[in-house]
N, C-alpha and C. Protein backbone atom coordinates (compact mmCIF):
# COMPACT_ATOMS: atom_id res chain seq x y z
N MET A 1 41.73 0.95 -15.51
CA MET A 1 40.30 0.46 -15.41
C MET A 1 39.57 -0.29 -14.23
N ILE A 2 40.54 -1.04 -13.78
CA ILE A 2 40.19 -1.73 -12.67
C ILE A 2 39.86 -1.03 -11.52
N ALA A 3 41.01 -0.01 -11.49
CA ALA A 3 40.88 1.17 -10.30
C ALA A 3 39.56 1.88 -10.25
N ALA A 4 39.08 2.13 -11.48
CA ALA A 4 37.72 3.06 -11.38
C ALA A 4 36.48 2.15 -11.20
N TYR A 5 36.54 0.74 -11.44
CA TYR A 5 35.72 -0.11 -11.10
C TYR A 5 35.71 -0.30 -9.84
N ALA A 6 36.98 -0.62 -9.07
CA ALA A 6 36.82 -0.77 -7.66
C ALA A 6 36.43 0.52 -6.74
N MET A 7 36.85 1.76 -7.36
CA MET A 7 36.41 3.04 -6.67
C MET A 7 34.77 2.91 -6.54
N GLU A 8 34.16 2.69 -7.68
CA GLU A 8 32.77 2.67 -7.69
C GLU A 8 32.12 1.68 -7.21
N LEU A 9 32.58 0.54 -6.83
CA LEU A 9 32.22 -0.61 -6.27
C LEU A 9 32.21 -0.17 -4.80
N LEU A 10 33.30 0.56 -4.35
CA LEU A 10 33.45 0.97 -2.89
C LEU A 10 32.37 1.94 -2.87
N ALA A 11 32.22 2.90 -3.49
CA ALA A 11 31.17 4.02 -3.28
C ALA A 11 29.95 3.55 -2.95
N GLU A 12 29.47 2.53 -3.93
CA GLU A 12 28.21 1.97 -3.87
C GLU A 12 27.99 0.99 -2.59
N THR A 13 28.94 0.25 -2.08
CA THR A 13 28.87 -0.29 -1.00
C THR A 13 28.74 0.63 0.30
N ARG A 14 29.52 1.83 0.10
CA ARG A 14 29.53 2.74 1.42
C ARG A 14 28.11 3.74 1.37
N GLY A 15 27.63 3.75 0.28
CA GLY A 15 26.47 4.29 0.08
C GLY A 15 25.18 3.43 0.64
N ALA A 16 25.25 2.31 0.43
CA ALA A 16 24.35 1.20 1.00
C ALA A 16 24.49 1.41 2.54
N GLU A 17 25.70 1.09 2.87
CA GLU A 17 25.89 1.28 4.30
C GLU A 17 25.53 2.64 5.09
N LEU A 18 25.57 3.63 4.35
CA LEU A 18 24.88 4.71 5.08
C LEU A 18 23.44 4.73 4.78
N ARG A 19 22.71 4.50 3.96
CA ARG A 19 21.50 4.06 3.70
C ARG A 19 20.84 3.32 5.11
N ARG A 20 21.60 2.13 5.16
CA ARG A 20 21.03 1.33 6.33
C ARG A 20 21.08 2.02 7.57
N GLU A 21 22.36 2.66 7.94
CA GLU A 21 22.47 3.30 8.98
C GLU A 21 21.49 4.60 9.31
N ALA A 22 21.14 5.13 8.17
CA ALA A 22 19.93 6.31 8.21
C ALA A 22 18.44 5.55 8.63
N SER A 23 18.59 4.46 7.96
CA SER A 23 17.38 3.63 8.13
C SER A 23 16.99 2.98 9.61
N ALA A 24 18.24 2.93 9.98
CA ALA A 24 18.08 2.26 11.58
C ALA A 24 18.07 3.43 12.41
N ALA A 25 18.71 4.51 12.21
CA ALA A 25 18.16 5.70 12.95
C ALA A 25 16.85 6.33 12.99
N ARG A 26 16.23 6.12 11.66
CA ARG A 26 14.82 6.65 11.68
C ARG A 26 13.96 5.67 12.19
N LEU A 27 14.32 4.19 12.33
CA LEU A 27 13.69 3.51 13.01
C LEU A 27 13.57 3.60 14.45
N ALA A 28 14.82 3.73 15.27
CA ALA A 28 15.07 4.09 16.58
C ALA A 28 14.31 5.21 17.08
N ALA A 29 14.10 6.32 16.34
CA ALA A 29 13.71 7.57 16.45
C ALA A 29 11.89 7.32 16.66
N ILE A 30 11.68 6.54 15.64
CA ILE A 30 10.08 6.04 15.60
C ILE A 30 9.86 5.42 16.85
N ALA A 31 10.84 4.27 17.42
CA ALA A 31 10.40 3.44 18.41
C ALA A 31 10.66 4.48 19.81
N ALA A 32 11.36 5.15 19.76
CA ALA A 32 11.32 6.16 21.17
C ALA A 32 10.16 7.03 21.26
N CYS A 33 9.64 7.50 19.97
CA CYS A 33 8.57 8.06 20.06
C CYS A 33 7.05 7.34 20.38
N CYS A 34 7.19 6.10 20.18
CA CYS A 34 5.91 5.40 20.11
C CYS A 34 5.72 4.36 21.22
N ARG A 35 6.37 4.61 22.42
CA ARG A 35 6.47 3.95 23.59
C ARG A 35 4.89 4.19 24.34
N PRO A 36 4.19 3.15 24.58
CA PRO A 36 2.84 3.40 24.91
C PRO A 36 2.95 3.96 26.38
N SER A 37 1.99 4.78 26.54
CA SER A 37 1.53 5.64 27.90
C SER A 37 0.94 4.83 28.66
N SER A 38 0.97 5.24 29.97
CA SER A 38 0.22 4.63 31.15
C SER A 38 -1.47 4.48 30.66
N TRP A 39 -1.86 5.90 29.85
CA TRP A 39 -3.07 5.56 29.36
C TRP A 39 -3.48 4.66 28.24
N ALA A 40 -2.33 4.43 27.22
CA ALA A 40 -2.40 3.48 26.35
C ALA A 40 -2.63 2.31 26.89
N ARG A 41 -1.60 1.85 27.94
CA ARG A 41 -1.84 0.52 28.49
C ARG A 41 -3.17 0.19 29.15
N ALA A 42 -3.65 1.33 29.79
CA ALA A 42 -5.20 0.97 30.69
C ALA A 42 -6.05 0.86 29.66
N ALA A 43 -6.05 1.66 28.26
CA ALA A 43 -7.06 1.37 27.19
C ALA A 43 -6.71 0.04 26.98
N ARG A 44 -5.78 -0.34 26.62
CA ARG A 44 -5.56 -1.87 26.07
C ARG A 44 -6.24 -2.96 27.05
N ARG A 45 -5.71 -2.67 28.29
CA ARG A 45 -6.40 -3.49 29.32
C ARG A 45 -7.81 -3.57 29.36
N ALA A 46 -8.49 -2.61 29.17
CA ALA A 46 -9.84 -2.33 29.29
C ALA A 46 -10.60 -3.15 28.14
N LEU A 47 -9.91 -2.68 26.94
CA LEU A 47 -10.53 -3.50 25.74
C LEU A 47 -10.14 -4.95 25.90
N ASP A 48 -9.16 -5.41 26.40
CA ASP A 48 -8.79 -6.79 26.56
C ASP A 48 -9.85 -7.49 27.36
N ALA A 49 -10.36 -6.64 28.63
CA ALA A 49 -11.26 -7.23 29.46
C ALA A 49 -12.53 -7.48 28.95
N SER A 50 -13.04 -6.41 28.11
CA SER A 50 -14.34 -6.30 27.57
C SER A 50 -14.21 -7.48 26.43
N ALA A 51 -13.26 -7.65 25.77
CA ALA A 51 -13.10 -8.85 24.75
C ALA A 51 -13.31 -10.17 25.38
N ARG A 52 -12.68 -10.42 26.53
CA ARG A 52 -12.87 -11.42 27.43
C ARG A 52 -14.30 -11.91 27.95
N LEU A 53 -14.98 -10.60 28.22
CA LEU A 53 -16.45 -10.73 28.80
C LEU A 53 -17.20 -11.19 27.66
N ARG A 54 -16.83 -10.74 26.78
CA ARG A 54 -17.89 -10.86 25.15
C ARG A 54 -17.41 -12.33 24.81
N ARG A 55 -16.30 -12.75 24.97
CA ARG A 55 -16.14 -14.10 24.41
C ARG A 55 -16.72 -15.15 25.60
N SER A 56 -16.74 -14.78 26.86
CA SER A 56 -17.27 -15.73 27.66
C SER A 56 -19.07 -15.80 27.85
N ALA A 57 -19.35 -14.69 27.32
CA ALA A 57 -20.84 -14.49 27.00
C ALA A 57 -21.33 -15.12 26.10
N HIS A 58 -20.58 -15.26 24.88
CA HIS A 58 -20.89 -15.96 23.56
C HIS A 58 -20.62 -17.40 23.83
N SER A 59 -19.83 -17.65 24.52
CA SER A 59 -19.50 -19.28 24.70
C SER A 59 -20.55 -19.88 25.56
N THR A 60 -21.37 -19.06 26.52
CA THR A 60 -22.22 -19.83 27.24
C THR A 60 -23.75 -19.82 26.54
N VAL A 61 -23.82 -18.96 25.41
CA VAL A 61 -25.10 -19.00 24.73
C VAL A 61 -24.91 -20.01 23.58
N SER A 62 -26.19 -21.09 23.42
CA SER A 62 -25.85 -21.97 22.43
C SER A 62 -26.31 -21.17 20.95
N PRO A 63 -25.88 -21.57 19.73
CA PRO A 63 -26.22 -21.16 18.60
C PRO A 63 -27.88 -21.18 18.57
N ALA A 64 -28.40 -20.38 17.38
CA ALA A 64 -29.85 -20.63 17.06
C ALA A 64 -30.24 -21.75 16.62
N CYS A 65 -29.25 -22.34 16.03
CA CYS A 65 -29.82 -23.67 15.19
C CYS A 65 -29.99 -24.85 16.30
N CYS A 66 -29.15 -24.77 17.47
CA CYS A 66 -29.13 -25.60 18.49
C CYS A 66 -30.17 -25.53 19.47
N ALA A 67 -30.64 -24.22 19.60
CA ALA A 67 -31.68 -23.91 20.57
C ALA A 67 -33.14 -24.39 20.21
N THR A 68 -33.50 -24.71 18.71
CA THR A 68 -34.43 -24.94 18.32
C THR A 68 -34.86 -26.36 18.35
N ALA A 69 -34.03 -27.24 18.75
CA ALA A 69 -34.05 -28.58 18.88
C ALA A 69 -35.21 -29.24 19.57
């Protein structure tokens, strides 16, 4: 009786290990495919620069409620 329980426990443990390994392999494959290219980095830098410009433009303009004082 105990031997059957031990075998079932070992099988469940091994199954969990195999699922974790498969999950890690899938994540590694996704990470390998999703490296940003030079175009993606250039687009991100352009978006960051435009966001900085928008923030600086908004910070110099006073809100409408303060402009009517």
